């Protein structure tokens, strides 16, 4: 199945992957930094930059703020800040997001965002004109939210971290019941970063077998090896956190790709996708190369005209211009029509 993710990009399994540079909150609330991220993602070859649309009130309850859940190591031991302060500082406003979308449009890179409330969904669809809606792993079992998004009839990219198969299946059914089948499913592990044995890339193949929709990969591993490996499994989309500096203070910088990493992902994604080629097994080498590399039957000794050819009189050497090694049974027991010198290639007219 194919999904028109954007007006200019149709995605399907084993297509050249659509690459999303996940900016998330890596702009740290600084819009000049956000612009630099967009520009570097564009220069690296990414197809899309993606933000996260949330406010201090659209994600966390009072309990979370009271107990300072989700603080990263950068902030856990500090006494001069708390989670609400960080969330408010790192949130991107509607006006700021519109400015970032305009800048992305100017460069020629797609811009999308992940909403965390129905109000944010409305804004992304009605005001930002986002090409698709990204659903975070945390909302895969948020069925009222999925219904609301599905009714917008926009393409939906949904991450499957935190979820078992029956939960993924139910989420897809919820979306389908609203008449929306523009779905891209992302294999995802919501650990930052996961251990290699937790990544389970073979889940991509399982999702391909179980669902008719294109399957992608939302990656939280360190480096580029794992997302590149996913391309060989036919992913249609790769989402990777993106930063200017992995040592920068903030939530996700350490598990993010920098510009060199992103360049490598984008360049090699195209190369690997092209190299995957066809499932049909057939030779692609030209006939001239086949002749040069393969062997012909040659005389292992001088063979006189009229002499009966025996197996020990024959050998096999390059080039493959004459009778092929598989034709040896045709020659054995036949009289030579001419005198054949040692090492000469044999042809059908020689017997």
Protein backbone atom coordinates (compact mmCIF):
# COMPACT_ATOMS: atom_id res chain seq x y z
CA UNK A 1 0.00 0.00 0.00
CA UNK A 2 1.14 3.53 -0.76
CA UNK A 3 0.44 6.66 1.28
CA UNK A 4 0.73 10.22 -0.01
CA UNK A 5 2.53 11.55 3.02
CA UNK A 6 2.96 14.99 1.43
CA UNK A 7 1.84 16.40 -1.92
CA UNK A 8 5.30 15.55 -3.28
CA UNK A 9 6.12 12.32 -1.46
CA UNK A 10 4.45 8.95 -1.77
CA UNK A 11 5.79 6.38 0.67
CA UNK A 12 5.63 2.60 0.57
CA UNK A 13 7.73 -0.30 1.82
CA UNK A 14 11.14 -0.43 0.13
CA UNK A 15 10.85 3.07 -1.31
CA UNK A 16 13.68 5.56 -0.80
CA UNK A 17 13.01 6.47 2.85
CA UNK A 18 11.53 9.81 3.81
CA UNK A 19 13.92 11.26 6.42
CA UNK A 20 12.51 13.29 9.31
CA UNK A 21 14.92 15.33 11.41
CA UNK A 22 13.14 15.29 14.76
CA UNK A 23 13.90 18.65 16.37
CA UNK A 24 11.55 18.02 19.29
CA UNK A 25 12.70 20.36 22.03
CA UNK A 26 16.32 20.47 20.86
CA UNK A 27 15.85 24.14 20.06
CA UNK A 28 15.79 24.65 23.86
CA UNK A 29 13.19 27.38 23.39
CA UNK A 30 15.56 29.51 21.29
CA UNK A 31 14.10 30.26 17.85
CA UNK A 32 17.44 31.33 16.40
CA UNK A 33 18.75 27.92 17.39
CA UNK A 34 15.61 26.40 15.83
CA UNK A 35 16.38 28.15 12.53
CA UNK A 36 19.94 26.84 12.61
CA UNK A 37 18.59 23.34 13.18
CA UNK A 38 16.23 23.68 10.21
CA UNK A 39 19.00 24.97 7.96
CA UNK A 40 21.46 22.27 8.96
CA UNK A 41 18.83 19.55 8.53
CA UNK A 42 18.07 20.91 5.06
CA UNK A 43 21.75 21.06 4.15
CA UNK A 44 22.19 17.49 5.39
CA UNK A 45 19.50 16.29 2.98
CA UNK A 46 16.57 15.61 5.34
CA UNK A 47 13.11 15.78 3.79
CA UNK A 48 11.35 17.15 6.84
CA UNK A 49 11.91 18.88 10.17
CA UNK A 50 9.50 18.08 12.97
CA UNK A 51 8.74 19.93 16.18
CA UNK A 52 6.62 18.92 19.16
CA UNK A 53 3.55 21.00 19.99
CA UNK A 54 2.85 21.05 23.69
CA UNK A 55 2.40 23.41 26.58
CA UNK A 56 3.00 23.01 30.29
CA UNK A 57 -0.68 22.05 30.64
CA UNK A 58 -1.16 19.70 27.67
CA UNK A 59 1.17 16.86 28.69
CA UNK A 60 1.79 16.58 32.42
CA UNK A 61 -0.48 16.47 35.44
CA UNK A 62 0.22 18.23 38.73
CA UNK A 63 1.62 15.01 40.15
CA UNK A 64 4.39 14.97 37.54
CA UNK A 65 5.38 18.55 38.28
CA UNK A 66 5.20 18.01 42.01
CA UNK A 67 7.57 15.04 41.87
CA UNK A 68 9.72 16.37 39.00
CA UNK A 69 9.35 13.26 36.87
CA UNK A 70 11.14 13.15 33.51
CA UNK A 71 14.01 15.42 34.49
CA UNK A 72 17.09 14.55 32.45
CA UNK A 73 20.52 14.10 33.99
CA UNK A 74 21.34 17.67 32.93
CA UNK A 75 18.75 18.98 35.37
CA UNK A 76 18.17 16.29 37.97
CA UNK A 77 20.72 17.55 40.46
CA UNK A 78 20.09 21.25 39.96
CA UNK A 79 18.19 23.30 42.51
CA UNK A 80 17.69 26.39 40.34
CA UNK A 81 15.01 24.89 38.08
CA UNK A 82 12.10 22.46 38.02
CA UNK A 83 10.20 20.52 35.37
CA UNK A 84 7.47 23.12 34.83
CA UNK A 85 10.09 25.82 34.24
CA UNK A 86 11.83 23.64 31.67
CA UNK A 87 8.61 22.67 29.88
CA UNK A 88 7.50 26.29 29.65
CA UNK A 89 10.92 27.37 28.40
CA UNK A 90 11.22 24.58 25.82
CA UNK A 91 7.65 24.81 24.49
CA UNK A 92 7.22 26.39 21.08
CA UNK A 93 4.31 28.81 20.69
CA UNK A 94 1.88 28.79 17.80
CA UNK A 95 3.35 32.02 16.47
CA UNK A 96 6.88 30.67 16.69
CA UNK A 97 5.88 27.48 14.93
CA UNK A 98 4.29 29.48 12.12
CA UNK A 99 7.55 31.40 11.77
CA UNK A 100 9.56 28.17 11.66
CA UNK A 101 7.17 26.73 9.05
CA UNK A 102 7.62 29.85 6.92
CA UNK A 103 11.39 29.52 7.18
CA UNK A 104 11.25 25.83 6.26
CA UNK A 105 9.02 26.65 3.28
CA UNK A 106 11.53 29.25 2.17
CA UNK A 107 14.31 26.66 2.22
CA UNK A 108 12.20 23.94 0.64
CA UNK A 109 12.01 21.42 3.48
CA UNK A 110 8.77 20.00 4.89
CA UNK A 111 7.74 21.04 8.39
CA UNK A 112 5.47 19.10 10.74
CA UNK A 113 4.86 18.68 14.45
CA UNK A 114 3.56 16.23 17.03
CA UNK A 115 0.45 17.49 18.86
CA UNK A 116 -0.34 16.60 22.46
CA UNK A 117 -3.86 18.03 22.67
CA UNK A 118 -6.89 18.43 20.42
CA UNK A 119 -6.35 22.19 20.31
CA UNK A 120 -2.85 21.59 19.00
CA UNK A 121 -4.23 19.20 16.38
CA UNK A 122 -6.60 21.93 15.18
CA UNK A 123 -3.77 24.40 14.91
CA UNK A 124 -1.51 22.04 12.97
CA UNK A 125 -4.24 21.18 10.50
CA UNK A 126 -6.04 24.51 10.13
CA UNK A 127 -3.28 27.07 10.62
CA UNK A 128 0.09 25.45 10.06
CA UNK A 129 -1.18 23.28 7.18
CA UNK A 130 1.11 20.47 8.28
CA UNK A 131 1.35 17.76 5.60
CA UNK A 132 0.75 15.00 8.14
CA UNK A 133 0.12 14.49 11.86
CA UNK A 134 2.67 12.58 13.93
CA UNK A 135 1.31 10.63 16.88
CA UNK A 136 3.78 10.05 19.70
CA UNK A 137 4.18 6.58 21.22
CA UNK A 138 2.66 7.80 24.48
CA UNK A 139 -0.66 8.40 22.70
CA UNK A 140 -1.00 5.09 20.88
CA UNK A 141 -3.57 3.96 23.47
CA UNK A 142 -5.21 7.39 23.72
CA UNK A 143 -8.19 6.33 21.63
CA UNK A 144 -10.31 9.52 21.96
CA UNK A 145 -7.27 11.47 20.75
CA UNK A 146 -6.67 9.05 17.86
CA UNK A 147 -10.32 9.36 16.80
CA UNK A 148 -10.07 13.14 16.81
CA UNK A 149 -6.91 13.11 14.70
CA UNK A 150 -8.30 10.51 12.29
CA UNK A 151 -11.36 12.63 11.58
CA UNK A 152 -9.11 15.35 10.18
CA UNK A 153 -8.45 13.02 7.23
CA UNK A 154 -4.78 13.92 7.16
CA UNK A 155 -2.02 11.33 6.80
CA UNK A 156 -1.09 9.93 10.22
CA UNK A 157 2.38 8.76 11.22
CA UNK A 158 2.10 6.76 14.43
CA UNK A 159 4.94 5.51 16.64
CA UNK A 160 4.55 2.20 18.43
CA UNK A 161 6.94 2.52 21.37
CA UNK A 162 5.64 1.32 24.77
CA UNK A 163 3.10 -0.92 22.99
CA UNK A 164 2.41 -4.60 22.48
CA UNK A 165 0.94 -5.95 19.26
CA UNK A 166 -2.66 -6.01 20.44
CA UNK A 167 -2.41 -2.33 21.41
CA UNK A 168 -0.98 -1.42 18.00
CA UNK A 169 -3.75 -3.38 16.28
CA UNK A 170 -6.45 -1.65 18.31
CA UNK A 171 -5.00 1.81 17.59
CA UNK A 172 -5.00 1.13 13.85
CA UNK A 173 -8.57 -0.12 14.02
CA UNK A 174 -9.64 3.04 15.86
CA UNK A 175 -8.17 5.18 13.08
CA UNK A 176 -9.62 3.01 10.32
CA UNK A 177 -13.13 3.17 11.81
CA UNK A 178 -13.04 6.94 11.28
CA UNK A 179 -12.50 6.33 7.56
CA UNK A 180 -8.82 7.28 7.58
CA UNK A 181 -6.47 4.78 5.94
CA UNK A 182 -3.62 7.21 5.31
CA UNK A 183 -1.45 5.56 7.95
CA UNK A 184 2.29 5.06 8.34
CA UNK A 185 3.31 2.84 11.26
CA UNK A 186 6.72 3.39 12.88
CA UNK A 187 8.55 0.68 14.78
CA UNK A 188 9.88 2.43 17.86
CA UNK A 189 11.54 1.71 21.20
CA UNK A 190 10.87 4.51 23.69
CA UNK A 191 14.14 4.20 25.58
CA UNK A 192 16.78 6.92 25.17
CA UNK A 193 18.97 5.20 24.07
CA UNK A 194 17.96 1.53 23.89
CA UNK A 195 20.49 -1.27 24.07
CA UNK A 196 21.07 -3.03 20.75
CA UNK A 197 19.25 -6.14 21.97
CA UNK A 198 16.20 -3.99 22.74
CA UNK A 199 15.88 -2.51 19.25
CA UNK A 200 14.37 -5.62 17.60
CA UNK A 201 14.56 -4.45 14.00
CA UNK A 202 12.88 -7.69 12.95
CA UNK A 203 9.68 -6.15 14.32
CA UNK A 204 9.69 -4.11 11.12
CA UNK A 205 9.22 -7.30 9.10
CA UNK A 206 6.49 -8.45 11.49
CA UNK A 207 4.61 -5.17 11.08
CA UNK A 208 4.94 -5.43 7.30
CA UNK A 209 3.37 -8.89 7.37
CA UNK A 210 0.57 -7.92 9.74
CA UNK A 211 -0.54 -4.54 8.38
CA UNK A 212 -1.18 -3.28 4.84
CA UNK A 213 0.37 0.11 5.61
CA UNK A 214 3.92 1.40 4.99
CA UNK A 215 6.24 0.71 7.91
CA UNK A 216 8.95 3.10 9.09
CA UNK A 217 11.37 3.41 12.00
CA UNK A 218 11.57 6.01 14.77
CA UNK A 219 15.12 5.65 16.06
CA UNK A 220 16.55 6.50 19.47
CA UNK A 221 19.87 4.65 19.20
CA UNK A 222 23.30 6.26 19.29
CA UNK A 223 24.93 6.73 15.89
CA UNK A 224 23.76 5.87 12.39
CA UNK A 225 24.30 2.11 12.06
CA UNK A 226 20.86 1.02 13.29
CA UNK A 227 18.71 3.39 11.20
CA UNK A 228 20.78 2.53 8.13
CA UNK A 229 20.31 -1.18 8.85
CA UNK A 230 16.55 -0.63 8.93
CA UNK A 231 16.63 0.43 5.27
CA UNK A 232 17.60 -3.09 4.26
CA UNK A 233 14.34 -4.22 5.88
CA UNK A 234 12.34 -1.90 3.64
CA UNK A 235 11.37 1.00 5.90
CA UNK A 236 9.60 3.83 4.12
CA UNK A 237 10.50 6.50 6.68
CA UNK A 238 13.21 7.17 9.25
CA UNK A 239 12.72 9.59 12.12
CA UNK A 240 15.89 10.60 13.98
CA UNK A 241 16.40 13.25 16.66
CA UNK A 242 18.60 16.07 15.38
CA UNK A 243 20.91 18.52 17.16
CA UNK A 244 23.68 20.98 16.43
CA UNK A 245 25.77 19.68 19.33
CA UNK A 246 25.37 16.38 21.20
CA UNK A 247 26.90 17.95 24.30
CA UNK A 248 24.36 20.77 24.45
CA UNK A 249 22.25 21.05 27.58
CA UNK A 250 18.77 19.69 27.09
CA UNK A 251 16.58 16.58 26.89
CA UNK A 252 17.50 14.66 23.75
CA UNK A 253 20.79 16.04 22.45
CA UNK A 254 22.86 13.04 23.51
CA UNK A 255 20.77 10.55 21.52
CA UNK A 256 20.46 12.85 18.51
CA UNK A 257 22.22 12.92 15.16
CA UNK A 258 24.35 15.94 14.40
CA UNK A 259 24.74 17.32 10.89
CA UNK A 260 27.47 14.87 9.88
CA UNK A 261 25.39 11.96 11.16
CA UNK A 262 22.33 13.22 9.31
CA UNK A 263 24.31 13.68 6.10
CA UNK A 264 25.45 10.09 6.41
CA UNK A 265 21.91 8.83 6.99
CA UNK A 266 20.47 10.78 4.05
CA UNK A 267 23.25 9.97 1.60
CA UNK A 268 23.47 6.31 2.51
CA UNK A 269 19.69 5.92 2.67
CA UNK A 270 19.52 6.78 -1.02
CA UNK A 271 22.43 4.50 -1.81
CA UNK A 272 21.14 1.53 0.20
CA UNK A 273 17.62 1.94 -1.16
CA UNK A 274 18.94 1.95 -4.72
CA UNK A 275 21.19 -1.03 -4.01
CA UNK A 276 18.27 -3.05 -2.62
CA UNK A 277 16.98 -3.24 -6.18
CA UNK A 278 14.61 -5.95 -7.35
CA UNK A 279 13.41 -9.20 -5.77
CA UNK A 280 13.75 -10.84 -9.21
CA UNK A 281 16.98 -12.81 -9.50
CA UNK A 282 18.62 -12.19 -12.85
CA UNK A 283 22.01 -11.29 -14.23
CA UNK A 284 22.73 -7.59 -14.70
CA UNK A 285 26.21 -7.99 -16.23
CA UNK A 286 26.45 -7.34 -19.99
CA UNK A 287 27.20 -10.24 -22.35
CA UNK A 288 30.70 -8.91 -23.00
CA UNK A 289 31.52 -9.18 -19.29
CA UNK A 290 30.05 -12.66 -19.09
CA UNK A 291 32.24 -13.79 -21.97
CA UNK A 292 35.33 -12.20 -20.40
CA UNK A 293 34.81 -13.78 -16.97
CA UNK A 294 33.45 -17.23 -17.86
CA UNK A 295 35.35 -20.21 -19.24
CA UNK A 296 35.23 -22.10 -22.52
CA UNK A 297 36.20 -25.70 -23.26
CA UNK A 298 39.78 -25.71 -24.56
CA UNK A 299 42.09 -28.46 -25.81
CA UNK A 300 44.34 -29.76 -23.04
CA UNK A 301 46.61 -31.22 -25.76
CA UNK A 302 46.93 -31.23 -29.52
CA UNK A 303 43.94 -33.07 -31.02
CA UNK A 304 44.34 -34.43 -34.54
CA UNK A 305 41.66 -34.26 -37.22
CA UNK A 306 39.44 -37.34 -36.93
CA UNK A 307 40.69 -38.21 -33.45
CA UNK A 308 37.93 -39.24 -31.00
CA UNK A 309 37.72 -36.67 -28.23
CA UNK A 310 38.10 -37.97 -24.67
CA UNK A 311 37.49 -36.10 -21.41
CA UNK A 312 41.20 -36.00 -20.53
CA UNK A 313 41.87 -34.08 -23.75
CA UNK A 314 39.85 -31.12 -22.54
CA UNK A 315 40.26 -28.26 -20.05
CA UNK A 316 38.32 -25.06 -19.17
CA UNK A 317 39.74 -21.54 -19.47
CA UNK A 318 38.73 -17.94 -20.06
CA UNK A 319 37.24 -16.30 -22.10
CA UNK A 320 33.79 -17.81 -22.47
CA UNK A 321 33.55 -17.37 -26.24
CA UNK A 322 33.29 -21.02 -27.24
CA UNK A 323 31.49 -24.07 -25.93
CA UNK A 324 30.64 -23.73 -22.22
CA UNK A 325 31.92 -26.27 -19.63
CA UNK A 326 28.40 -27.67 -19.42
CA UNK A 327 28.62 -28.76 -23.07
CA UNK A 328 31.45 -31.24 -22.44
CA UNK A 329 29.15 -34.28 -22.75
CA UNK A 330 28.34 -33.18 -26.29
CA UNK A 331 32.05 -33.36 -27.26
CA UNK A 332 33.13 -36.61 -25.63
CA UNK A 333 33.16 -39.50 -28.12
CA UNK A 334 32.90 -37.22 -31.16
CA UNK A 335 35.64 -37.09 -33.87
CA UNK A 336 37.43 -33.77 -34.36
CA UNK A 337 36.65 -32.13 -37.71
CA UNK A 338 39.97 -30.30 -37.71
CA UNK A 339 43.33 -30.38 -36.03
CA UNK A 340 42.98 -28.48 -32.76
CA UNK A 341 46.08 -27.07 -31.11
CA UNK A 342 46.63 -27.27 -27.36
CA UNK A 343 44.87 -24.42 -25.49
CA UNK A 344 42.63 -23.56 -28.46
CA UNK A 345 38.97 -22.81 -27.74
CA UNK A 346 36.52 -25.38 -29.07
CA UNK A 347 33.40 -24.46 -31.03
CA UNK A 348 30.38 -26.46 -32.13
CA UNK A 349 31.70 -26.69 -35.70
CA UNK A 350 34.86 -28.48 -34.47
CA UNK A 351 33.08 -31.83 -34.07
